[in-house]
N, C-alpha and C. Protein backbone atom coordinates (compact mmCIF):
# COMPACT_ATOMS: atom_id res chain seq x y z
N MET A 1 59.78 192.08 -127.89
CA MET A 1 60.03 190.87 -128.81
C MET A 1 61.57 190.46 -128.51
N SER A 2 61.42 189.14 -128.06
CA SER A 2 62.87 187.93 -127.65
C SER A 2 64.30 188.48 -128.61
N LEU A 3 65.12 187.92 -127.89
CA LEU A 3 66.31 188.13 -128.78
C LEU A 3 66.62 187.14 -129.80
N SER A 4 65.65 186.34 -129.75
CA SER A 4 65.47 184.98 -130.69
C SER A 4 64.74 185.54 -131.80
N SER A 5 63.93 185.74 -131.30
CA SER A 5 62.73 185.88 -132.71
C SER A 5 63.01 187.45 -133.43
N MET A 6 64.11 188.16 -132.98
CA MET A 6 64.40 189.24 -133.52
C MET A 6 65.63 188.82 -134.67
N SER A 7 66.44 187.80 -133.78
CA SER A 7 67.12 187.01 -135.35
C SER A 7 66.58 186.47 -135.90
N GLY A 8 65.60 185.43 -135.49
CA GLY A 8 65.30 185.21 -136.64
C GLY A 8 64.21 186.12 -138.09
N GLU A 9 64.21 187.42 -137.52
CA GLU A 9 63.34 188.40 -138.35
C GLU A 9 64.56 188.68 -139.03
N ALA A 10 65.42 189.13 -138.61
CA ALA A 10 66.95 189.83 -138.78
C ALA A 10 67.28 188.81 -140.20
N PHE A 11 67.40 187.26 -139.91
CA PHE A 11 67.28 185.84 -140.92
C PHE A 11 66.67 186.20 -142.27
N LYS A 12 65.31 186.14 -141.94
CA LYS A 12 64.22 186.22 -142.94
C LYS A 12 64.50 187.38 -144.03
N LEU A 13 64.76 188.92 -143.27
CA LEU A 13 65.20 190.12 -143.94
C LEU A 13 66.64 190.21 -144.90
N GLY A 14 67.35 189.24 -144.50
CA GLY A 14 68.49 188.82 -144.96
C GLY A 14 68.08 187.79 -146.46
N MET A 15 67.55 186.78 -145.87
CA MET A 15 67.00 186.16 -147.27
C MET A 15 66.17 186.97 -148.56
N ASP A 16 65.11 187.43 -147.84
CA ASP A 16 64.18 188.34 -148.62
C ASP A 16 64.99 189.26 -149.57
N ILE A 17 66.38 189.97 -148.96
CA ILE A 17 67.11 190.87 -149.75
C ILE A 17 67.57 190.25 -150.78
N ASP A 18 68.73 189.66 -150.34
CA ASP A 18 69.37 188.83 -151.20
C ASP A 18 70.26 187.56 -151.63
N HIS A 19 69.45 186.77 -151.52
CA HIS A 19 69.78 185.50 -151.28
C HIS A 19 71.32 184.76 -151.49
N ARG A 20 71.60 185.27 -152.70
CA ARG A 20 73.23 184.86 -153.07
C ARG A 20 74.32 185.78 -151.65
N ILE A 21 73.67 186.80 -151.30
CA ILE A 21 74.73 187.81 -150.60
C ILE A 21 74.79 186.56 -149.05
N ASN A 22 73.40 186.26 -149.06
CA ASN A 22 73.18 186.19 -147.47
C ASN A 22 73.69 184.28 -147.54
N ARG A 23 73.56 183.90 -149.07
CA ARG A 23 75.00 182.69 -148.68
C ARG A 23 76.22 182.65 -148.66
N PHE A 24 76.32 183.62 -149.05
CA PHE A 24 78.16 183.82 -148.83
C PHE A 24 78.94 184.70 -148.12
N VAL A 25 77.95 184.81 -147.39
CA VAL A 25 78.21 185.16 -145.77
C VAL A 25 78.08 184.38 -144.98
N ALA A 26 77.15 183.56 -145.09
CA ALA A 26 77.34 182.36 -144.46
C ALA A 26 78.18 181.26 -144.49
N ILE A 27 78.40 181.13 -145.98
CA ILE A 27 80.22 180.48 -146.29
C ILE A 27 81.32 181.28 -145.47
N ASP A 28 81.09 182.23 -145.44
CA ASP A 28 82.34 183.27 -144.95
C ASP A 28 81.77 183.03 -143.40
N CYS A 29 81.58 182.94 -142.73
CA CYS A 29 81.20 182.70 -141.40
C CYS A 29 81.46 181.22 -140.95
N LEU A 30 81.07 180.57 -141.91
CA LEU A 30 81.89 178.81 -141.59
C LEU A 30 83.12 178.75 -141.51
N LEU A 31 83.65 179.96 -142.57
CA LEU A 31 85.63 179.11 -142.71
C LEU A 31 85.82 179.45 -141.31
N MET A 32 85.15 181.42 -140.99
CA MET A 32 86.19 181.10 -139.93
C MET A 32 85.52 180.90 -138.80
N HIS A 33 84.87 180.19 -138.48
CA HIS A 33 84.59 178.94 -137.39
C HIS A 33 85.54 177.61 -137.82
N ILE A 34 85.72 177.15 -139.42
CA ILE A 34 86.61 175.88 -139.26
C ILE A 34 87.78 176.47 -138.98
N VAL A 35 88.30 177.90 -139.55
CA VAL A 35 89.70 178.13 -139.12
C VAL A 35 90.40 178.29 -137.89
N CYS A 36 89.10 178.61 -136.79
CA CYS A 36 89.07 178.66 -135.60
C CYS A 36 89.21 177.35 -134.96
N ILE A 37 88.60 176.17 -135.44
CA ILE A 37 88.66 175.39 -134.58
C ILE A 37 90.26 174.36 -135.08
N GLY A 38 90.40 174.49 -136.19
CA GLY A 38 91.51 174.03 -136.78
C GLY A 38 92.76 174.28 -136.74
N SER A 39 92.79 176.05 -136.04
CA SER A 39 93.80 176.14 -135.29
C SER A 39 94.25 176.01 -133.98
N LYS A 40 93.40 175.55 -133.24
CA LYS A 40 93.37 175.02 -131.73
C LYS A 40 93.48 173.26 -132.13
N LEU A 41 92.79 173.06 -133.13
CA LEU A 41 93.27 171.27 -132.88
C LEU A 41 95.16 171.35 -133.77
N ILE A 42 94.76 171.76 -134.54
CA ILE A 42 96.52 171.76 -134.91
C ILE A 42 97.30 172.50 -134.75
N ALA A 43 98.76 172.16 -133.87
CA ALA A 43 99.70 173.19 -133.73
C ALA A 43 100.85 173.27 -135.09
N PHE A 44 99.99 174.97 -135.75
CA PHE A 44 100.53 175.45 -136.90
C PHE A 44 102.13 175.88 -136.50
N ASP A 45 103.34 175.03 -137.38
CA ASP A 45 104.77 175.30 -136.89
C ASP A 45 104.90 176.90 -137.21
N ASP A 46 104.19 177.95 -138.77
CA ASP A 46 104.57 178.97 -139.22
C ASP A 46 103.51 179.09 -140.01
N GLU A 47 103.46 180.41 -140.19
CA GLU A 47 102.11 181.09 -141.24
C GLU A 47 102.41 180.00 -142.62
N SER A 48 102.80 179.33 -143.01
CA SER A 48 102.61 179.05 -143.87
C SER A 48 102.19 178.00 -144.14
N GLN A 49 101.55 177.27 -143.25
CA GLN A 49 101.24 176.48 -142.65
C GLN A 49 99.85 176.65 -142.85
N LEU A 50 99.39 177.82 -141.96
CA LEU A 50 98.37 178.21 -141.49
C LEU A 50 97.43 178.38 -142.46
N ARG A 51 97.87 179.53 -143.86
CA ARG A 51 97.49 179.78 -145.06
C ARG A 51 97.23 178.50 -145.55
N LYS A 52 97.98 177.43 -146.10
CA LYS A 52 98.24 176.75 -146.63
C LYS A 52 96.91 176.17 -146.25
N PHE A 53 96.10 175.73 -145.05
CA PHE A 53 94.97 174.68 -145.03
C PHE A 53 93.55 176.46 -145.05
N ILE A 54 93.93 177.18 -144.56
CA ILE A 54 92.80 178.48 -144.88
C ILE A 54 92.31 177.69 -146.78
N THR A 55 93.55 177.90 -147.54
CA THR A 55 92.97 178.02 -148.81
C THR A 55 92.58 176.65 -149.30
N CYS A 56 92.94 175.77 -148.98
CA CYS A 56 92.39 173.95 -148.44
C CYS A 56 91.35 174.29 -147.85
N ILE A 57 90.51 175.04 -147.05
CA ILE A 57 89.18 175.06 -146.76
C ILE A 57 88.53 175.97 -147.74
N THR A 58 88.79 176.79 -148.44
CA THR A 58 88.55 177.81 -149.00
C THR A 58 88.11 177.66 -150.58
N GLU A 59 89.03 176.26 -150.81
CA GLU A 59 89.12 175.91 -152.19
C GLU A 59 87.71 175.18 -151.82
N PHE A 60 87.77 173.96 -151.09
CA PHE A 60 86.67 173.23 -150.98
C PHE A 60 85.18 173.62 -150.88
N VAL A 61 84.76 174.78 -150.01
CA VAL A 61 83.61 175.82 -149.85
C VAL A 61 83.30 176.19 -151.23
N ILE A 62 84.02 176.56 -152.05
CA ILE A 62 84.05 177.58 -153.15
C ILE A 62 83.46 175.94 -154.17
N MET A 63 84.41 174.97 -154.22
CA MET A 63 84.11 174.07 -155.25
C MET A 63 82.60 173.29 -154.74
N THR A 64 82.69 173.50 -153.68
CA THR A 64 80.68 172.76 -153.36
C THR A 64 79.76 173.30 -153.20
N SER A 65 80.01 174.77 -152.82
CA SER A 65 78.67 176.16 -153.06
C SER A 65 78.00 176.28 -154.56
């Protein structure tokens, strides 16, 4: 069994177990990617700016989900 088919099977299994939990995991992964990209594109002066950025992204995802 190839790696891509195993990951496809794992995804199907995750969807079958509980759609809501899988959705929150996907949102969390999306947030992590956005934060990584954002922190590379934006030079944050201090930690409070980074926290504000993460809070804005989190609120947006919660409102749109």
